[in-house]
Amino acid sequence: MTKILKRSLYAGVFLSLMGCQPEESNTTKTDTSAPSPVKTAEHDSAVPPLLTLDELLNASDFQAGIKQSVLNDDSAALKDWQDQLLAVAKEVHLAPRDVKLISGQQGLLFIEFEAKKQLFNDEFIELFMNFQSIDDLIQKYPHLTGVHKRAQSLIDARDVAIERAATMLSEEGVEGDATQQARAQWQDYMINSGRLETLRN
């Protein structure tokens, strides 16, 4: 069996096993422990929304701004980002139910929660890709319980895939540490398949 074919076989193992993980591959998907964002609902007015709430929340400038505000513990800056979000929401005719979700003090808490989910995800990816514990990260963001569960599901799926690949390598009689080689194969798969980029987004 050629090296290329072997790599393809291991990638197939990773693909089939990682495909069994939860639909939300990104740990920042809506957390059931927090106020859930209303997905694009029917607009109550005659003008349909030009963008969804998720699209507004995922804008790169907005994401960077709210994360930095939370890191700096800067409530004034976070409020400013909320005001900007509401201004854009008005321009794109965002559904009234979605506007209500991001308005007022409750809206500010929701935006802060979104920022914390993104910050968790940023740190999680580095730990996840390098096989490091996320225990300290969970302690850092204790209220993101739904996010914690999805993160652990990703870790479990990763470990099962690597164990299966390591077994295949051992059966082939490869030299060296089969688990380490399987981990390297998995990292290569995550990068080259685009799944790592999916996690980041």
Protein backbone atom coordinates (compact mmCIF):
# COMPACT_ATOMS: atom_id res chain seq x y z
CA MET A 1 0.00 0.00 0.00
CA THR A 2 1.51 3.33 -1.02
CA LYS A 3 1.98 6.19 1.44
CA ILE A 4 -0.60 8.29 -0.42
CA LEU A 5 -3.16 5.51 -0.26
CA LYS A 6 -2.49 5.01 3.44
CA ARG A 7 -3.00 8.72 4.09
CA SER A 8 -6.25 8.53 2.14
CA LEU A 9 -7.37 5.54 4.19
CA TYR A 10 -6.63 7.27 7.50
CA ALA A 11 -8.41 10.40 6.26
CA GLY A 12 -11.40 8.21 5.50
CA VAL A 13 -11.37 6.94 9.08
CA PHE A 14 -11.19 10.49 10.45
CA LEU A 15 -13.93 11.67 8.09
CA SER A 16 -16.34 8.88 9.00
CA LEU A 17 -15.75 9.18 12.74
CA MET A 18 -15.60 12.96 12.96
CA GLY A 19 -18.75 13.03 10.85
CA CYS A 20 -20.56 11.49 13.80
CA GLN A 21 -19.95 14.57 15.96
CA PRO A 22 -22.75 17.06 16.73
CA GLU A 23 -24.03 19.26 13.92
CA GLU A 24 -22.57 22.34 15.61
CA SER A 25 -18.88 21.76 14.88
CA ASN A 26 -18.11 25.24 16.08
CA THR A 27 -18.38 25.47 19.85
CA THR A 28 -19.87 28.94 19.65
CA LYS A 29 -23.25 27.88 18.33
CA THR A 30 -26.25 28.99 20.36
CA ASP A 31 -25.99 27.79 23.95
CA THR A 32 -29.16 26.50 25.59
CA SER A 33 -28.00 27.89 28.93
CA ALA A 34 -28.32 31.45 27.65
CA PRO A 35 -31.08 33.47 25.99
CA SER A 36 -31.31 31.92 22.54
CA PRO A 37 -31.08 34.23 19.54
CA VAL A 38 -34.24 34.12 17.51
CA LYS A 39 -33.39 32.74 14.12
CA THR A 40 -34.60 34.72 11.18
CA ALA A 41 -38.27 35.08 11.87
CA GLU A 42 -40.90 36.41 9.54
CA HIS A 43 -40.65 40.16 9.51
CA ASP A 44 -43.71 41.84 10.94
CA SER A 45 -43.48 44.65 8.42
CA ALA A 46 -43.74 44.68 4.64
CA VAL A 47 -39.98 45.11 4.23
CA PRO A 48 -38.06 41.84 4.54
CA PRO A 49 -34.77 41.94 6.50
CA LEU A 50 -31.69 42.33 4.33
CA LEU A 51 -29.52 40.39 6.80
CA THR A 52 -30.19 37.91 9.58
CA LEU A 53 -29.24 38.43 13.19
CA ASP A 54 -26.60 35.71 12.91
CA GLU A 55 -25.02 37.50 9.97
CA LEU A 56 -24.83 40.74 11.95
CA LEU A 57 -23.41 39.00 15.01
CA ASN A 58 -20.78 37.19 12.95
CA ALA A 59 -19.43 40.29 11.19
CA SER A 60 -15.66 40.24 11.73
CA ASP A 61 -15.36 43.84 13.01
CA PHE A 62 -18.22 43.33 15.45
CA GLN A 63 -16.76 40.05 16.70
CA ALA A 64 -13.32 41.57 17.22
CA GLY A 65 -14.79 44.59 18.96
CA ILE A 66 -17.00 42.80 21.45
CA LYS A 67 -14.28 40.26 22.29
CA GLN A 68 -11.79 43.03 23.01
CA SER A 69 -14.37 44.86 25.11
CA VAL A 70 -14.94 41.76 27.25
CA LEU A 71 -11.21 41.09 27.57
CA ASN A 72 -10.69 44.68 28.72
CA ASP A 73 -13.75 44.51 31.01
CA ASP A 74 -14.88 47.69 29.24
CA SER A 75 -18.65 47.98 29.63
CA ALA A 76 -18.73 51.36 27.89
CA ALA A 77 -17.06 49.95 24.78
CA LEU A 78 -19.43 46.99 24.78
CA LYS A 79 -22.39 49.39 25.00
CA ASP A 80 -20.98 51.31 22.06
CA TRP A 81 -20.85 48.11 20.00
CA GLN A 82 -24.44 47.40 21.00
CA ASP A 83 -25.47 50.85 19.78
CA GLN A 84 -23.69 50.27 16.47
CA LEU A 85 -25.35 46.89 16.11
CA LEU A 86 -28.78 48.39 16.72
CA ALA A 87 -28.10 51.14 14.17
CA VAL A 88 -27.18 48.58 11.52
CA ALA A 89 -30.14 46.42 12.50
CA LYS A 90 -32.43 49.35 11.75
CA GLU A 91 -30.79 49.95 8.38
CA VAL A 92 -31.20 46.33 7.29
CA HIS A 93 -34.78 46.11 8.60
CA LEU A 94 -33.97 43.38 11.09
CA ALA A 95 -37.05 41.55 12.38
CA PRO A 96 -38.56 43.27 15.44
CA ARG A 97 -38.19 40.14 17.57
CA ASP A 98 -34.47 40.06 16.81
CA VAL A 99 -34.10 43.77 17.51
CA LYS A 100 -35.74 43.22 20.89
CA LEU A 101 -33.24 40.47 21.66
CA ILE A 102 -30.23 42.78 21.26
CA SER A 103 -31.83 45.85 22.87
CA GLY A 104 -31.55 47.19 26.40
CA GLN A 105 -29.76 45.60 29.32
CA GLN A 106 -30.84 42.10 28.34
CA GLY A 107 -29.43 42.71 24.87
CA LEU A 108 -26.15 43.88 26.34
CA LEU A 109 -25.91 40.67 28.38
CA PHE A 110 -26.67 38.65 25.27
CA ILE A 111 -23.89 40.40 23.31
CA GLU A 112 -21.45 39.86 26.19
CA PHE A 113 -22.39 36.19 26.20
CA GLU A 114 -21.73 35.97 22.45
CA ALA A 115 -18.29 37.49 22.98
CA LYS A 116 -17.45 35.00 25.69
CA LYS A 117 -18.49 32.11 23.47
CA GLN A 118 -16.13 33.35 20.77
CA LEU A 119 -13.29 33.83 23.24
CA PHE A 120 -13.86 30.30 24.52
CA ASN A 121 -13.82 28.95 20.97
CA ASP A 122 -10.57 30.76 20.11
CA GLU A 123 -8.78 29.21 23.07
CA PHE A 124 -10.47 25.85 22.67
CA ILE A 125 -9.22 25.37 19.12
CA GLU A 126 -5.59 25.76 20.14
CA LEU A 127 -5.99 23.31 23.02
CA PHE A 128 -8.02 20.91 20.90
CA MET A 129 -5.49 20.78 18.07
CA ASN A 130 -2.60 20.26 20.49
CA PHE A 131 -4.29 17.59 22.65
CA GLN A 132 -4.24 19.74 25.77
CA SER A 133 -6.75 19.74 28.63
CA ILE A 134 -9.64 22.21 28.53
CA ASP A 135 -10.30 22.01 32.29
CA ASP A 136 -8.84 25.45 33.02
CA LEU A 137 -10.72 26.93 30.06
CA ILE A 138 -14.00 25.57 31.41
CA GLN A 139 -13.24 27.12 34.79
CA LYS A 140 -12.50 30.42 33.05
CA TYR A 141 -15.96 30.45 31.41
CA PRO A 142 -18.11 28.45 33.89
CA HIS A 143 -21.50 29.61 32.60
CA LEU A 144 -21.05 28.33 29.02
CA THR A 145 -22.41 24.90 29.90
CA GLY A 146 -23.84 24.12 26.47
CA VAL A 147 -20.57 25.16 24.84
CA HIS A 148 -18.65 22.93 27.25
CA LYS A 149 -20.73 19.92 26.21
CA ARG A 150 -20.15 20.54 22.49
CA ALA A 151 -16.44 21.00 23.09
CA GLN A 152 -16.25 17.69 24.95
CA SER A 153 -18.16 15.99 22.13
CA LEU A 154 -15.52 17.20 19.68
CA ILE A 155 -12.76 15.90 21.92
CA ASP A 156 -14.46 12.51 22.27
CA ALA A 157 -14.90 12.20 18.49
CA ARG A 158 -11.25 13.18 17.95
CA ASP A 159 -9.99 10.61 20.44
CA VAL A 160 -12.08 7.81 18.95
CA ALA A 161 -10.78 8.63 15.46
CA ILE A 162 -7.17 8.68 16.64
CA GLU A 163 -7.53 5.43 18.56
CA ARG A 164 -8.96 3.73 15.47
CA ALA A 165 -6.16 5.07 13.27
CA ALA A 166 -3.51 4.04 15.80
CA THR A 167 -4.89 0.51 15.79
CA MET A 168 -4.65 0.40 12.01
CA LEU A 169 -1.06 1.60 12.13
CA SER A 170 -0.14 -0.98 14.75
CA GLU A 171 -1.69 -3.76 12.70
CA GLU A 172 0.45 -2.68 9.75
CA GLY A 173 3.53 -3.01 11.92
CA VAL A 174 4.66 0.59 11.61
CA GLU A 175 7.74 1.60 13.58
CA GLY A 176 7.54 4.09 16.43
CA ASP A 177 4.63 5.31 18.53
CA ALA A 178 1.41 4.51 16.65
CA THR A 179 -0.64 6.96 18.70
CA GLN A 180 1.73 9.84 18.00
CA GLN A 181 1.66 9.04 14.30
CA ALA A 182 -2.13 8.83 14.35
CA ARG A 183 -2.29 12.22 16.05
CA ALA A 184 -0.06 13.71 13.36
CA GLN A 185 -2.29 12.19 10.68
CA TRP A 186 -5.35 13.64 12.40
CA GLN A 187 -3.83 17.13 12.60
CA ASP A 188 -2.93 16.93 8.92
CA TYR A 189 -6.48 15.86 8.10
CA MET A 190 -8.05 18.68 10.13
CA ILE A 191 -5.92 21.31 8.39
CA ASN A 192 -6.09 20.01 4.83
CA SER A 193 -9.76 19.02 4.87
CA GLY A 194 -10.89 22.49 5.93
CA ARG A 195 -12.44 21.26 9.16
CA LEU A 196 -10.08 23.39 11.24
CA GLU A 197 -11.24 26.49 9.39
CA THR A 198 -14.84 25.43 10.01
CA LEU A 199 -14.12 25.28 13.73
CA ARG A 200 -12.63 28.77 13.65
CA ASN A 201 -15.75 30.15 12.02
